[in-house]
Amino acid sequence: MRITAILLAVMFLLPGCTSEDEKEITFNGRDLAGNDTYKFTLESADGDLWSLEDQRGKVVILVFMFTRCDETCPVTSQNVKMVQETLSDEELEKISIVSVTVDKRHDSPSKLQNWTEDRGYDWPHLTGSGSALDMVYETYGVYPYEESDDSDEGYTVAHPSPTYILDTDLMGRVVWSDYDFPVDLFVEDVRTVLENY
């Protein structure tokens, strides 16, 4: 009888212990629940190869843009710069920011280099062969397409504007689909990933 009473008491205590230990993690952006990601290698603006796999151990902020974009991309890039300026030096040491072009015909390494220097961005901007970029676009749901316009190049690029936050194991944790994401909420998500993954 006494053993039964003790066992019942322990059974009632256990659920309380586990629920206290398990902290619910929530995000402001769309929760990707640790989805696997495509580990790409592309060419950076300085001509070196940049590999996502080499960023293992850091939280990665992944952005898609192109240099001739005059509407959405400047807003996203400026938001990312504001995120960078909001985070502490200690936090930035644990983070890698990278942008991938969606204009594979125009954005050569030298054009990306000039563009980043003109705007004061200090994170890598990547390009690559058409096939290498197509694989990145497909796996990250970007799907850029060219539209005719009256520019010197004769086209512009329409594309979704996801900004991803990957954890230290390079698993997808959060995506913001709007190009003009709220910086304060995005920073909260970055810090949540830093603290928990």
Protein backbone atom coordinates (compact mmCIF):
# COMPACT_ATOMS: atom_id res chain seq x y z
CA MET A 1 0.00 0.00 0.00
CA ARG A 2 2.80 2.39 0.96
CA ILE A 3 4.70 1.65 -2.29
CA THR A 4 1.58 2.35 -4.33
CA ALA A 5 1.17 5.73 -2.65
CA ILE A 6 4.82 6.62 -3.34
CA LEU A 7 4.52 5.58 -6.99
CA LEU A 8 1.38 7.67 -7.42
CA ALA A 9 3.10 10.70 -5.88
CA VAL A 10 6.08 10.29 -8.22
CA MET A 11 3.79 9.97 -11.25
CA PHE A 12 2.07 13.24 -10.39
CA LEU A 13 5.40 15.03 -9.94
CA LEU A 14 7.03 13.87 -13.19
CA PRO A 15 4.77 15.69 -15.68
CA GLY A 16 5.33 18.94 -13.80
CA CYS A 17 9.09 18.50 -13.97
CA THR A 18 9.21 17.82 -17.68
CA SER A 19 6.90 20.65 -18.63
CA GLU A 20 8.98 23.14 -16.61
CA ASP A 21 12.21 21.93 -18.24
CA GLU A 22 10.86 22.21 -21.77
CA LYS A 23 10.77 25.83 -22.83
CA GLU A 24 8.54 26.63 -25.78
CA ILE A 25 10.51 28.46 -28.45
CA THR A 26 8.53 30.83 -30.65
CA PHE A 27 9.51 33.11 -33.51
CA ASN A 28 8.08 36.28 -35.00
CA GLY A 29 8.88 35.10 -38.53
CA ARG A 30 7.74 31.76 -40.00
CA ASP A 31 9.12 28.85 -37.99
CA LEU A 32 10.95 26.36 -40.23
CA ALA A 33 11.29 23.79 -37.43
CA GLY A 34 14.90 22.95 -38.22
CA ASN A 35 14.49 22.06 -41.90
CA ASP A 36 17.55 20.75 -43.69
CA THR A 37 19.21 23.27 -46.03
CA TYR A 38 21.18 23.07 -49.26
CA LYS A 39 24.91 23.59 -48.50
CA PHE A 40 26.01 25.70 -51.47
CA THR A 41 29.39 27.08 -52.49
CA LEU A 42 29.45 30.27 -54.60
CA GLU A 43 31.88 32.99 -55.65
CA SER A 44 32.12 36.08 -53.46
CA ALA A 45 32.56 39.64 -54.69
CA ASP A 46 36.30 39.46 -53.94
CA GLY A 47 36.63 36.40 -56.19
CA ASP A 48 37.07 33.82 -53.40
CA LEU A 49 34.81 30.83 -52.95
CA TRP A 50 32.33 31.10 -50.08
CA SER A 51 30.83 27.91 -48.67
CA LEU A 52 27.81 27.63 -46.41
CA GLU A 53 29.37 24.54 -44.85
CA ASP A 54 32.28 26.69 -43.63
CA GLN A 55 29.80 28.72 -41.55
CA ARG A 56 28.89 25.74 -39.36
CA GLY A 57 28.96 26.88 -35.73
CA LYS A 58 27.54 30.31 -36.58
CA VAL A 59 23.99 31.56 -37.03
CA VAL A 60 23.59 32.52 -40.71
CA ILE A 61 21.41 35.31 -42.09
CA LEU A 62 20.80 34.55 -45.78
CA VAL A 63 19.51 37.32 -48.08
CA PHE A 64 18.57 37.37 -51.80
CA MET A 65 19.05 40.57 -53.85
CA PHE A 66 20.56 42.03 -57.03
CA THR A 67 22.54 45.18 -57.68
CA ARG A 68 20.20 46.80 -60.24
CA CYS A 69 17.15 46.40 -58.00
CA ASP A 70 15.83 49.82 -57.05
CA GLU A 71 12.72 48.92 -55.06
CA THR A 72 12.74 45.94 -52.70
CA CYS A 73 16.43 44.95 -52.47
CA PRO A 74 17.70 48.29 -51.11
CA VAL A 75 15.09 48.08 -48.33
CA THR A 76 16.05 44.52 -47.41
CA SER A 77 19.78 45.29 -47.51
CA GLN A 78 19.31 48.39 -45.37
CA ASN A 79 17.23 46.37 -42.89
CA VAL A 80 20.01 43.79 -42.68
CA LYS A 81 22.52 46.59 -42.05
CA MET A 82 20.26 47.87 -39.25
CA VAL A 83 20.11 44.35 -37.79
CA GLN A 84 23.91 44.26 -37.90
CA GLU A 85 24.13 47.64 -36.15
CA THR A 86 21.63 46.57 -33.46
CA LEU A 87 23.46 43.38 -32.48
CA SER A 88 26.37 43.54 -30.03
CA ASP A 89 29.96 42.81 -31.08
CA GLU A 90 29.77 39.59 -29.07
CA GLU A 91 26.63 38.52 -30.94
CA LEU A 92 28.11 39.47 -34.33
CA GLU A 93 31.08 37.18 -33.70
CA LYS A 94 28.59 34.28 -33.68
CA ILE A 95 26.76 35.38 -36.85
CA SER A 96 27.49 35.20 -40.57
CA ILE A 97 25.52 37.42 -42.96
CA VAL A 98 25.54 36.63 -46.68
CA SER A 99 23.65 37.84 -49.77
CA VAL A 100 23.10 35.86 -52.97
CA THR A 101 22.34 37.63 -56.25
CA VAL A 102 19.21 36.77 -58.21
CA ASP A 103 20.61 38.40 -61.39
CA LYS A 104 23.06 35.78 -62.63
CA ARG A 105 23.56 37.47 -66.02
CA HIS A 106 24.56 40.89 -64.71
CA ASP A 107 26.00 40.54 -61.20
CA SER A 108 29.63 39.56 -61.73
CA PRO A 109 32.03 39.59 -58.76
CA SER A 110 33.36 43.02 -59.78
CA LYS A 111 29.85 44.50 -60.04
CA LEU A 112 28.97 43.06 -56.63
CA GLN A 113 32.22 44.43 -55.20
CA ASN A 114 31.53 47.95 -56.46
CA TRP A 115 27.94 47.82 -55.27
CA THR A 116 28.82 46.67 -51.73
CA GLU A 117 31.61 49.24 -51.39
CA ASP A 118 29.36 52.07 -52.61
CA ARG A 119 26.79 51.21 -49.94
CA GLY A 120 29.16 50.37 -47.10
CA TYR A 121 28.01 46.76 -46.72
CA ASP A 122 30.70 44.53 -45.26
CA TRP A 123 29.16 41.08 -45.61
CA PRO A 124 29.80 38.73 -48.57
CA HIS A 125 27.70 39.09 -51.72
CA LEU A 126 27.75 35.96 -53.85
CA THR A 127 27.31 34.96 -57.47
CA GLY A 128 28.17 31.88 -59.50
CA SER A 129 27.41 29.85 -62.58
CA GLY A 130 23.83 29.67 -63.79
CA SER A 131 23.48 26.04 -62.73
CA ALA A 132 24.98 26.65 -59.27
CA LEU A 133 22.67 29.60 -58.65
CA ASP A 134 19.61 27.78 -60.03
CA MET A 135 20.10 25.05 -57.42
CA VAL A 136 20.21 27.65 -54.64
CA TYR A 137 17.12 29.42 -56.00
CA GLU A 138 15.17 26.18 -56.22
CA THR A 139 16.03 24.89 -52.76
CA TYR A 140 15.44 28.24 -51.03
CA GLY A 141 12.22 29.04 -52.93
CA VAL A 142 13.45 32.18 -54.67
CA TYR A 143 12.59 31.48 -58.36
CA PRO A 144 13.72 34.75 -60.00
CA TYR A 145 12.50 35.51 -63.50
CA GLU A 146 13.47 38.18 -66.00
CA GLU A 147 11.02 40.82 -67.22
CA SER A 148 11.66 43.14 -70.16
CA ASP A 149 12.17 46.81 -69.34
CA ASP A 150 13.78 49.92 -70.86
CA SER A 151 17.08 49.67 -68.94
CA ASP A 152 20.43 49.35 -70.72
CA GLU A 153 20.36 45.62 -70.02
CA GLY A 154 16.82 45.32 -71.40
CA TYR A 155 15.46 43.41 -68.42
CA THR A 156 14.89 43.47 -64.70
CA VAL A 157 14.47 40.56 -62.30
CA ALA A 158 11.30 39.81 -60.37
CA HIS A 159 11.79 37.57 -57.37
CA PRO A 160 10.44 36.66 -53.94
CA SER A 161 12.46 38.19 -51.10
CA PRO A 162 12.91 35.60 -48.35
CA THR A 163 15.46 36.29 -45.63
CA TYR A 164 16.48 33.16 -43.75
CA ILE A 165 17.95 32.60 -40.31
CA LEU A 166 19.87 29.30 -40.11
CA ASP A 167 21.08 27.82 -36.84
CA THR A 168 24.64 26.77 -35.93
CA ASP A 169 24.04 23.36 -37.54
CA LEU A 170 22.90 25.18 -40.71
CA MET A 171 19.31 24.04 -40.27
CA GLY A 172 16.54 26.42 -41.32
CA ARG A 173 14.95 28.01 -38.24
CA VAL A 174 13.11 31.12 -39.45
CA VAL A 175 12.19 32.80 -42.72
CA TRP A 176 10.83 36.30 -43.25
CA SER A 177 9.06 36.54 -46.60
CA ASP A 178 8.44 40.29 -46.65
CA TYR A 179 11.31 42.39 -48.03
CA ASP A 180 10.61 45.14 -45.47
CA PHE A 181 10.68 43.04 -42.33
CA PRO A 182 10.45 44.77 -38.91
CA VAL A 183 14.06 45.01 -37.73
CA ASP A 184 13.27 44.75 -34.01
CA LEU A 185 11.28 41.53 -34.45
CA PHE A 186 13.90 40.08 -36.79
CA VAL A 187 16.60 40.82 -34.19
CA GLU A 188 14.47 39.03 -31.57
CA ASP A 189 14.42 35.96 -33.84
CA VAL A 190 18.19 36.10 -34.38
CA ARG A 191 18.73 36.26 -30.62
CA THR A 192 16.29 33.39 -30.03
CA VAL A 193 18.29 31.23 -32.46
CA LEU A 194 21.58 32.32 -30.85
CA GLU A 195 20.30 31.39 -27.39
CA ASN A 196 18.67 28.07 -28.27
CA TYR A 197 20.42 26.52 -31.26
